[in-house]
Amino acid sequence: MSLEARLRPRPLSPRLAIYRRPMLLLVLSGTWHMRIGTHVILEDYIHNEGPQMVSLALNNFASAVVAIAGVYAVLNGRHLILARQGTT
């Protein structure tokens, strides 16, 4: 199977499609919570201005990557299809 075919979203049954919006909200709110918590930790424990700014920028970048990956996974729906098939 080609990479394009594997990355293409698959249609979901209406029963499983209703879980997309709550899962998106869960992924986005969890990622936001992770970013804020890590931001506070970095501000508290890194006292030098330069390394602190770099760490905060990397924190924002990593949080964005996690959020994009999570949103892609939810919109792609592959995890729901696997759950429907009984495999993990």
C-alpha atoms as a PDB file:
ATOM      1  CA  MET A   1       0.000   0.000   0.000  1.00  0.00           C
ATOM      2  CA  SER A   2       1.396   3.402  -0.934  1.00  0.00           C
ATOM      3  CA  LEU A   3       2.146   6.094   1.635  1.00  0.00           C
ATOM      4  CA  GLU A   4      -0.554   8.324   0.171  1.00  0.00           C
ATOM      5  CA  ALA A   5      -3.153   5.583   0.563  1.00  0.00           C
ATOM      6  CA  ARG A   6      -2.108   4.939   4.162  1.00  0.00           C
ATOM      7  CA  LEU A   7      -2.315   8.625   5.106  1.00  0.00           C
ATOM      8  CA  ARG A   8      -5.690   9.238   3.463  1.00  0.00           C
ATOM      9  CA  PRO A   9      -8.519   9.551   6.020  1.00  0.00           C
ATOM     10  CA  ARG A  10     -10.931   6.670   6.051  1.00  0.00           C
ATOM     11  CA  PRO A  11     -14.675   7.121   6.400  1.00  0.00           C
ATOM     12  CA  LEU A  12     -16.109   6.470   9.845  1.00  0.00           C
ATOM     13  CA  SER A  13     -19.466   5.171  10.831  1.00  0.00           C
ATOM     14  CA  PRO A  14     -21.759   7.851  12.314  1.00  0.00           C
ATOM     15  CA  ARG A  15     -21.451   6.196  15.733  1.00  0.00           C
ATOM     16  CA  LEU A  16     -17.682   6.662  15.779  1.00  0.00           C
ATOM     17  CA  ALA A  17     -17.667  10.047  14.046  1.00  0.00           C
ATOM     18  CA  ILE A  18     -19.470  11.679  16.981  1.00  0.00           C
ATOM     19  CA  TYR A  19     -16.344  11.167  19.116  1.00  0.00           C
ATOM     20  CA  ARG A  20     -14.158  13.357  16.915  1.00  0.00           C
ATOM     21  CA  ARG A  21     -15.078  16.736  18.390  1.00  0.00           C
ATOM     22  CA  PRO A  22     -14.693  15.679  22.062  1.00  0.00           C
ATOM     23  CA  MET A  23     -11.401  13.986  21.233  1.00  0.00           C
ATOM     24  CA  LEU A  24     -10.147  17.113  19.464  1.00  0.00           C
ATOM     25  CA  LEU A  25     -11.054  19.195  22.500  1.00  0.00           C
ATOM     26  CA  LEU A  26      -9.298  16.696  24.767  1.00  0.00           C
ATOM     27  CA  VAL A  27      -6.132  16.718  22.662  1.00  0.00           C
ATOM     28  CA  LEU A  28      -6.021  20.501  22.378  1.00  0.00           C
ATOM     29  CA  SER A  29      -6.818  21.204  26.032  1.00  0.00           C
ATOM     30  CA  GLY A  30      -4.316  18.574  27.167  1.00  0.00           C
ATOM     31  CA  THR A  31      -1.620  20.042  24.960  1.00  0.00           C
ATOM     32  CA  TRP A  32      -2.377  23.554  26.192  1.00  0.00           C
ATOM     33  CA  HIS A  33      -2.217  22.348  29.804  1.00  0.00           C
ATOM     34  CA  MET A  34       1.124  20.650  29.065  1.00  0.00           C
ATOM     35  CA  ARG A  35       2.521  23.848  27.524  1.00  0.00           C
ATOM     36  CA  ILE A  36       1.447  26.057  30.417  1.00  0.00           C
ATOM     37  CA  GLY A  37       2.727  23.642  33.062  1.00  0.00           C
ATOM     38  CA  THR A  38       6.086  23.247  31.379  1.00  0.00           C
ATOM     39  CA  HIS A  39       6.278  27.023  30.902  1.00  0.00           C
ATOM     40  CA  VAL A  40       5.878  27.597  34.651  1.00  0.00           C
ATOM     41  CA  ILE A  41       8.481  24.945  35.478  1.00  0.00           C
ATOM     42  CA  LEU A  42      10.973  26.440  33.025  1.00  0.00           C
ATOM     43  CA  GLU A  43      10.441  29.952  34.394  1.00  0.00           C
ATOM     44  CA  ASP A  44      10.911  28.733  37.964  1.00  0.00           C
ATOM     45  CA  TYR A  45      14.066  26.666  37.456  1.00  0.00           C
ATOM     46  CA  ILE A  46      15.976  28.427  34.664  1.00  0.00           C
ATOM     47  CA  HIS A  47      17.226  31.749  35.963  1.00  0.00           C
ATOM     48  CA  ASN A  48      19.457  32.963  33.115  1.00  0.00           C
ATOM     49  CA  GLU A  49      17.638  35.013  30.491  1.00  0.00           C
ATOM     50  CA  GLY A  50      19.170  33.429  27.371  1.00  0.00           C
ATOM     51  CA  PRO A  51      18.664  29.737  28.174  1.00  0.00           C
ATOM     52  CA  GLN A  52      15.223  30.501  29.566  1.00  0.00           C
ATOM     53  CA  MET A  53      14.071  32.132  26.310  1.00  0.00           C
ATOM     54  CA  VAL A  54      15.473  29.249  24.253  1.00  0.00           C
ATOM     55  CA  SER A  55      13.781  26.717  26.520  1.00  0.00           C
ATOM     56  CA  LEU A  56      10.450  28.536  26.327  1.00  0.00           C
ATOM     57  CA  ALA A  57      10.681  28.717  22.538  1.00  0.00           C
ATOM     58  CA  LEU A  58      11.451  24.984  22.350  1.00  0.00           C
ATOM     59  CA  ASN A  59       8.561  24.324  24.715  1.00  0.00           C
ATOM     60  CA  ASN A  60       6.195  26.211  22.415  1.00  0.00           C
ATOM     61  CA  PHE A  61       7.541  24.364  19.377  1.00  0.00           C
ATOM     62  CA  ALA A  62       7.272  20.931  21.026  1.00  0.00           C
ATOM     63  CA  SER A  63       3.741  21.685  22.219  1.00  0.00           C
ATOM     64  CA  ALA A  64       2.727  22.714  18.708  1.00  0.00           C
ATOM     65  CA  VAL A  65       4.190  19.504  17.265  1.00  0.00           C
ATOM     66  CA  VAL A  66       2.302  17.379  19.812  1.00  0.00           C
ATOM     67  CA  ALA A  67      -0.938  19.282  19.145  1.00  0.00           C
ATOM     68  CA  ILE A  68      -0.606  18.932  15.370  1.00  0.00           C
ATOM     69  CA  ALA A  69       0.156  15.224  15.659  1.00  0.00           C
ATOM     70  CA  GLY A  70      -2.805  14.711  17.989  1.00  0.00           C
ATOM     71  CA  VAL A  71      -5.209  16.625  15.756  1.00  0.00           C
ATOM     72  CA  TYR A  72      -3.971  14.686  12.728  1.00  0.00           C
ATOM     73  CA  ALA A  73      -4.489  11.389  14.550  1.00  0.00           C
ATOM     74  CA  VAL A  74      -8.027  12.317  15.544  1.00  0.00           C
ATOM     75  CA  LEU A  75      -8.991  13.622  12.122  1.00  0.00           C
ATOM     76  CA  ASN A  76      -7.405  10.663  10.383  1.00  0.00           C
ATOM     77  CA  GLY A  77      -9.496   8.348  12.542  1.00  0.00           C
ATOM     78  CA  ARG A  78      -7.158   5.383  12.251  1.00  0.00           C
ATOM     79  CA  HIS A  79      -7.273   4.712  16.007  1.00  0.00           C
ATOM     80  CA  LEU A  80     -11.066   4.537  15.867  1.00  0.00           C
ATOM     81  CA  ILE A  81     -10.964   2.129  12.946  1.00  0.00           C
ATOM     82  CA  LEU A  82      -8.511  -0.101  14.786  1.00  0.00           C
ATOM     83  CA  ALA A  83     -10.686  -0.025  17.899  1.00  0.00           C
ATOM     84  CA  ARG A  84     -13.687  -0.970  15.796  1.00  0.00           C
ATOM     85  CA  GLN A  85     -11.781  -3.939  14.324  1.00  0.00           C
ATOM     86  CA  GLY A  86     -10.756  -5.110  17.776  1.00  0.00           C
ATOM     87  CA  THR A  87      -7.025  -4.610  17.233  1.00  0.00           C
ATOM     88  CA  THR A  88      -4.648  -2.159  18.886  1.00  0.00           C
END
